[in-house]
Amino acid sequence: MIPRRNVVTPAKSRAALMAMAPAVNPVIGLLDAMHAHGIAPADPGDIVADGTLRRYQVATDKPRSLNGWFVLRERFGVAGSWKSGVSCTWSSNATTSMTRQERDEHFRLIRQAKDEAQRQREAEQQTAAERAAVLWAKATPAKPEHPYLKQKRIPPGNARQAGDLLVLRIQDADGNTRSLQYVSEDGTKRMLSGGAKKAHFIRVDGALPSSVIVIAEGFATAMTASTQFPGAAVLAAVDAGNLEPVALAIRAKYPGAQIVVVADDDRLTPGNPGLTKARAAAGAVGGKLARPVWPPGIPIEATDFNDLALYLEGGHV
């Protein structure tokens, strides 16, 4: 008699294959997801599966910044970037293969991790805001002869000074101090650690409320642009990515104001982010767009209204 061959049902086959398949390393699983979403860590060794909410430096962020966060367990992980707002998850099992109870637990853990990350971020930002208020109160009015101001040929405006550093107050639409930006003599800029920036701004000139509110990227550009808008409130959003969040916050606070977004013209940068993001910000709030008009002969490196003013005054940028 010929021995009967083993018969494996589809259910048994799937279970057997799962039992035989090697377990996925949770660190590798989450790292793959982080890479796919553009929030990979600068040092993969920072990623550990201990179930604790941890911070890390995103590879594309500035050195020593800790905008990334993650929680990783043996079978589940979630990660995100406070800077970009992107998040991702990893699971050792596909959600399609989970029972309803397993899926509910899976998504509960995702919400729990994200909520904990947000609570930690808000607590950190509140601590930084309190520290910023103290440091701002200690700073003295900026000296007009500060090397950065002289280089840019702009007055101090509302800037203050601490030692050799210019101190710029970052506030929200309600006037609360949220963070600080420091500018060194050579123009190097850094933000107060842990401070909130999104939708917040530097008030460069004028007062709020105002019938006309001008929003530029940086302090020097905003100060230069203020000469073209007498009587307006002029704000600096710090960078191009914050133009639209600031414009939306201002529109919500002052629905009747005319908003003008001043664009940098990043002609040498693919996609021209300065102009692209300024145009998007103006469009989001029904505002107007102001951009530099380059005269013949100006260096291609010129990107903003301050560069234009320097060239017209002295023939160089």
Protein backbone atom coordinates (compact mmCIF):
# COMPACT_ATOMS: atom_id res chain seq x y z
CA MET A 1 0.00 0.00 0.00
CA ILE A 2 1.33 3.34 -0.98
CA PRO A 3 1.61 5.63 2.05
CA ARG A 4 -0.80 8.53 1.94
CA ARG A 5 0.90 11.85 1.47
CA ASN A 6 0.42 14.55 4.06
CA VAL A 7 -2.47 16.82 3.15
CA VAL A 8 -2.14 20.41 4.31
CA THR A 9 -5.25 22.58 4.37
CA PRO A 10 -4.93 26.28 3.40
CA ALA A 11 -5.48 27.30 7.03
CA LYS A 12 -2.86 24.89 8.29
CA SER A 13 -0.50 25.93 5.49
CA ARG A 14 -0.76 29.61 6.45
CA ALA A 15 -0.23 28.86 10.13
CA ALA A 16 2.73 26.63 9.35
CA LEU A 17 4.33 29.20 7.11
CA MET A 18 3.90 31.89 9.76
CA ALA A 19 5.42 29.60 12.36
CA MET A 20 8.38 28.81 10.11
CA ALA A 21 8.96 32.41 8.96
CA PRO A 22 11.69 34.19 10.89
CA ALA A 23 10.46 37.00 13.15
CA VAL A 24 10.98 40.49 11.76
CA ASN A 25 13.50 42.51 13.71
CA PRO A 26 11.37 45.41 15.09
CA VAL A 27 14.21 47.92 14.72
CA ILE A 28 14.68 47.04 11.05
CA GLY A 29 10.91 47.11 10.52
CA LEU A 30 10.48 50.60 11.95
CA LEU A 31 13.64 51.90 10.22
CA ASP A 32 12.24 50.75 6.86
CA ALA A 33 9.01 52.63 7.55
CA MET A 34 10.91 55.75 8.66
CA HIS A 35 13.03 55.71 5.49
CA ALA A 36 9.91 55.31 3.33
CA HIS A 37 8.33 58.39 4.96
CA GLY A 38 11.42 60.60 4.86
CA ILE A 39 12.01 60.71 8.63
CA ALA A 40 14.92 58.29 8.93
CA PRO A 41 17.28 58.89 11.88
CA ALA A 42 20.75 60.37 11.44
CA ASP A 43 22.01 57.51 13.63
CA PRO A 44 20.08 54.24 13.23
CA GLY A 45 21.59 53.13 16.53
CA ASP A 46 19.22 55.55 18.28
CA ILE A 47 16.28 53.26 17.51
CA VAL A 48 15.66 50.72 20.27
CA ALA A 49 12.66 48.50 21.02
CA ASP A 50 12.03 49.23 24.70
CA GLY A 51 8.47 50.61 24.57
CA THR A 52 9.59 54.08 25.74
CA LEU A 53 8.85 57.36 23.96
CA ARG A 54 12.25 58.55 22.72
CA ARG A 55 13.63 61.46 20.70
CA TYR A 56 16.04 61.32 17.78
CA GLN A 57 17.65 63.52 15.14
CA VAL A 58 16.03 63.18 11.72
CA ALA A 59 18.75 62.70 9.09
CA THR A 60 17.67 65.78 7.11
CA ASP A 61 17.49 68.08 10.16
CA LYS A 62 20.24 70.22 11.63
CA PRO A 63 22.83 68.50 13.85
CA ARG A 64 21.81 68.04 17.50
CA SER A 65 18.15 68.80 16.74
CA LEU A 66 15.72 66.29 18.20
CA ASN A 67 12.55 66.79 16.20
CA GLY A 68 12.00 63.07 15.68
CA TRP A 69 10.18 60.81 18.14
CA PHE A 70 9.31 57.12 18.29
CA VAL A 71 7.91 54.34 20.44
CA LEU A 72 8.94 50.80 19.50
CA ARG A 73 7.83 47.51 21.01
CA GLU A 74 8.53 43.94 19.90
CA ARG A 75 5.55 43.78 17.54
CA PHE A 76 4.59 47.42 17.03
CA GLY A 77 6.18 50.83 16.46
CA VAL A 78 5.21 54.41 15.62
CA ALA A 79 7.46 57.34 14.75
CA GLY A 80 7.09 60.94 13.66
CA SER A 81 8.71 64.31 13.12
CA TRP A 82 7.48 67.38 14.96
CA LYS A 83 9.14 69.54 12.31
CA SER A 84 7.50 68.04 9.22
CA GLY A 85 4.36 66.65 10.85
CA VAL A 86 4.94 63.29 9.13
CA SER A 87 4.38 60.05 11.06
CA CYS A 88 4.51 56.34 10.26
CA THR A 89 3.78 53.00 11.89
CA TRP A 90 5.18 49.48 11.77
CA SER A 91 3.63 46.21 12.83
CA SER A 92 4.95 42.66 12.71
CA ASN A 93 1.55 41.62 11.31
CA ALA A 94 -0.40 43.31 8.54
CA THR A 95 -3.63 44.88 9.78
CA THR A 96 -5.52 42.85 7.16
CA SER A 97 -4.47 39.65 8.92
CA MET A 98 -5.47 40.85 12.39
CA THR A 99 -8.66 40.03 14.19
CA ARG A 100 -10.99 42.91 14.96
CA GLN A 101 -9.79 42.92 18.56
CA GLU A 102 -6.16 43.00 17.41
CA ARG A 103 -6.86 45.87 15.02
CA ASP A 104 -8.62 47.87 17.73
CA GLU A 105 -5.64 47.38 20.04
CA HIS A 106 -3.22 48.24 17.22
CA PHE A 107 -4.90 51.59 16.53
CA ARG A 108 -5.32 52.30 20.23
CA LEU A 109 -1.55 52.00 20.66
CA ILE A 110 -0.98 54.33 17.71
CA ARG A 111 -3.25 56.98 19.24
CA GLN A 112 -1.67 56.52 22.65
CA ALA A 113 1.86 56.99 21.30
CA LYS A 114 0.93 60.05 19.24
CA ASP A 115 -0.95 61.63 22.15
CA GLU A 116 2.00 61.07 24.48
CA ALA A 117 4.40 62.58 21.93
CA GLN A 118 2.14 65.62 21.57
CA ARG A 119 1.87 66.08 25.35
CA GLN A 120 5.64 65.93 25.66
CA ARG A 121 6.08 68.42 22.84
CA GLU A 122 3.58 70.89 24.32
CA ALA A 123 5.18 70.65 27.76
CA GLU A 124 8.61 71.29 26.25
CA GLN A 125 7.33 74.27 24.28
CA GLN A 126 5.65 75.77 27.33
CA THR A 127 8.88 75.47 29.32
CA ALA A 128 10.78 77.12 26.45
CA ALA A 129 8.21 79.92 26.22
CA GLU A 130 8.64 80.71 29.92
CA ARG A 131 12.41 80.69 29.54
CA ALA A 132 12.16 82.89 26.44
CA ALA A 133 10.13 85.49 28.33
CA VAL A 134 12.79 85.67 31.06
CA LEU A 135 15.69 85.92 28.58
CA TRP A 136 13.87 88.57 26.55
CA ALA A 137 13.28 90.68 29.65
CA LYS A 138 17.00 90.49 30.49
CA ALA A 139 18.15 91.50 26.99
CA THR A 140 18.85 95.16 26.25
CA PRO A 141 17.92 97.21 23.15
CA ALA A 142 20.13 96.22 20.23
CA LYS A 143 22.97 98.57 19.31
CA PRO A 144 22.77 100.03 15.79
CA GLU A 145 26.47 99.28 15.33
CA HIS A 146 25.99 95.52 15.74
CA PRO A 147 27.98 93.95 12.85
CA TYR A 148 24.98 92.08 11.43
CA LEU A 149 22.84 95.21 11.35
CA LYS A 150 25.67 97.16 9.73
CA GLN A 151 26.23 94.43 7.16
CA LYS A 152 22.54 94.39 6.24
CA ARG A 153 22.27 98.21 6.56
CA ILE A 154 19.14 98.00 8.66
CA PRO A 155 18.11 99.61 11.95
CA PRO A 156 17.61 97.49 15.10
CA GLY A 157 13.85 97.88 15.13
CA ASN A 158 12.45 95.77 17.98
CA ALA A 159 15.60 93.64 18.26
CA ARG A 160 17.40 93.30 21.57
CA GLN A 161 20.91 92.19 22.38
CA ALA A 162 22.56 89.75 24.78
CA GLY A 163 26.32 90.01 24.63
CA ASP A 164 27.29 89.80 20.97
CA LEU A 165 24.00 88.21 19.93
CA LEU A 166 20.95 89.92 18.52
CA VAL A 167 17.81 88.60 20.23
CA LEU A 168 14.55 88.44 18.28
CA ARG A 169 11.28 87.71 20.06
CA ILE A 170 8.99 85.11 18.49
CA GLN A 171 5.36 85.62 19.46
CA ASP A 172 1.95 84.18 18.67
CA ALA A 173 -1.00 86.08 17.20
CA ASP A 174 -2.21 86.89 20.72
CA GLY A 175 1.08 88.60 21.59
CA ASN A 176 2.47 85.88 23.85
CA THR A 177 6.21 85.17 23.80
CA ARG A 178 6.76 81.68 22.39
CA SER A 179 10.46 81.49 21.60
CA LEU A 180 13.57 83.47 20.59
CA GLN A 181 15.87 83.61 17.61
CA TYR A 182 19.51 84.55 18.09
CA VAL A 183 21.65 86.14 15.37
CA SER A 184 25.44 86.24 15.73
CA GLU A 185 27.74 88.92 14.38
CA ASP A 186 28.44 86.87 11.24
CA GLY A 187 24.73 86.25 10.60
CA THR A 188 24.53 82.70 11.98
CA LYS A 189 21.02 82.08 13.29
CA ARG A 190 19.77 79.64 15.91
CA MET A 191 16.49 79.08 17.66
CA LEU A 192 15.95 78.72 21.39
CA SER A 193 15.98 75.00 22.15
CA GLY A 194 12.49 73.54 22.48
CA GLY A 195 10.71 76.73 21.41
CA ALA A 196 7.61 76.72 19.22
CA LYS A 197 7.86 78.30 15.78
CA LYS A 198 4.96 77.09 13.62
CA ALA A 199 2.42 79.89 13.05
CA HIS A 200 4.48 82.23 15.26
CA PHE A 201 6.52 85.23 14.11
CA ILE A 202 8.86 88.13 14.86
CA ARG A 203 7.14 91.53 14.92
CA VAL A 204 9.67 93.68 13.09
CA ASP A 205 7.88 97.00 12.68
CA GLY A 206 4.51 98.57 13.36
CA ALA A 207 1.84 97.33 15.75
CA LEU A 208 -0.99 94.82 15.70
CA PRO A 209 -3.81 95.14 14.86
CA SER A 210 -3.19 96.94 11.57
CA SER A 211 -5.16 97.39 8.38
CA VAL A 212 -2.12 96.18 6.41
CA ILE A 213 0.02 93.28 7.63
CA VAL A 214 3.20 92.35 5.77
CA ILE A 215 4.81 88.93 6.23
CA ALA A 216 8.35 88.16 5.04
CA GLU A 217 10.74 85.29 5.73
CA GLY A 218 13.66 86.66 7.75
CA PHE A 219 14.29 89.64 10.00
CA ALA A 220 16.56 91.57 7.60
CA THR A 221 14.21 91.09 4.64
CA ALA A 222 11.21 92.14 6.73
CA MET A 223 13.04 95.22 8.02
CA THR A 224 13.99 96.22 4.48
CA ALA A 225 10.45 95.62 3.21
CA SER A 226 9.02 97.78 6.00
CA THR A 227 10.32 100.89 4.21
CA GLN A 228 7.93 100.10 1.36
CA PHE A 229 4.89 99.76 3.63
CA PRO A 230 4.78 102.76 5.99
CA GLY A 231 2.29 102.32 8.81
CA ALA A 232 1.92 98.56 8.24
CA ALA A 233 2.63 95.86 10.78
CA VAL A 234 5.61 93.93 9.41
CA LEU A 235 6.31 90.38 10.56
CA ALA A 236 9.08 87.85 9.92
CA ALA A 237 8.02 84.21 9.72
CA VAL A 238 11.63 82.97 10.25
CA ASP A 239 11.60 80.72 7.17
CA ALA A 240 9.67 79.96 3.99
CA GLY A 241 7.94 76.91 5.44
CA ASN A 242 6.34 79.05 8.14
CA LEU A 243 4.92 81.71 5.79
CA GLU A 244 1.60 79.97 5.25
CA PRO A 245 1.05 78.97 8.92
CA VAL A 246 1.74 82.58 9.97
CA ALA A 247 -0.53 83.97 7.24
CA LEU A 248 -3.36 81.64 8.32
CA ALA A 249 -2.92 82.59 11.99
CA ILE A 250 -3.00 86.28 11.11
CA ARG A 251 -6.05 85.87 8.87
CA ALA A 252 -7.89 84.04 11.67
CA LYS A 253 -7.01 86.78 14.16
CA TYR A 254 -7.56 89.75 11.82
CA PRO A 255 -10.10 88.71 9.16
CA GLY A 256 -10.43 92.22 7.75
CA ALA A 257 -6.72 93.00 7.31
CA GLN A 258 -4.98 93.23 3.97
CA ILE A 259 -2.13 90.70 4.00
CA VAL A 260 0.95 91.08 1.83
CA VAL A 261 3.39 88.17 1.62
CA VAL A 262 6.93 89.20 0.67
CA ALA A 263 8.72 86.48 -1.29
CA ASP A 264 12.35 85.52 -1.41
CA ASP A 265 13.33 84.62 -4.97
CA ASP A 266 15.52 81.52 -4.60
CA ARG A 267 16.56 81.48 -8.24
CA LEU A 268 19.41 79.03 -7.72
CA THR A 269 17.40 76.53 -5.67
CA PRO A 270 15.41 73.84 -7.49
CA GLY A 271 11.71 74.57 -7.19
CA ASN A 272 12.39 78.11 -5.93
CA PRO A 273 10.98 77.41 -2.43
CA GLY A 274 10.96 81.08 -1.40
CA LEU A 275 8.71 82.15 -4.23
CA THR A 276 6.67 78.95 -4.29
CA LYS A 277 5.82 78.99 -0.59
CA ALA A 278 5.18 82.74 -0.54
CA ARG A 279 2.75 82.39 -3.44
CA ALA A 280 0.99 79.53 -1.63
CA ALA A 281 0.75 81.59 1.58
CA ALA A 282 -0.71 84.58 -0.22
CA GLY A 283 -3.22 82.36 -2.02
CA ALA A 284 -4.29 80.63 1.20
CA VAL A 285 -5.44 83.90 2.78
CA GLY A 286 -6.52 85.92 -0.25
CA GLY A 287 -3.47 88.15 0.17
CA LYS A 288 -1.13 89.92 -2.21
CA LEU A 289 2.34 88.79 -3.25
CA ALA A 290 5.38 91.09 -3.40
CA ARG A 291 8.59 89.84 -5.02
CA PRO A 292 11.90 91.46 -5.96
CA VAL A 293 12.28 92.90 -9.44
CA TRP A 294 15.89 92.34 -10.41
CA PRO A 295 17.73 95.12 -12.26
CA PRO A 296 20.22 94.22 -15.01
CA GLY A 297 23.61 93.18 -13.67
CA ILE A 298 22.59 92.14 -10.17
CA PRO A 299 24.38 88.92 -9.09
CA ILE A 300 22.35 85.74 -9.50
CA GLU A 301 23.05 84.99 -5.82
CA ALA A 302 20.71 87.83 -4.79
CA THR A 303 17.50 86.34 -3.37
CA ASP A 304 15.56 88.89 -1.33
CA PHE A 305 14.61 92.54 -0.83
CA ASN A 306 17.59 93.16 1.42
CA ASP A 307 19.96 91.88 -1.25
CA LEU A 308 18.24 94.17 -3.76
CA ALA A 309 18.54 97.19 -1.44
CA LEU A 310 22.23 96.52 -0.82
CA TYR A 311 22.91 96.26 -4.55
CA LEU A 312 21.05 99.48 -5.35
CA GLU A 313 22.89 101.32 -2.56
CA GLY A 314 26.39 100.06 -3.18
CA GLY A 315 26.51 97.92 -6.28
CA HIS A 316 27.16 94.69 -4.41
CA VAL A 317 25.24 92.11 -2.37
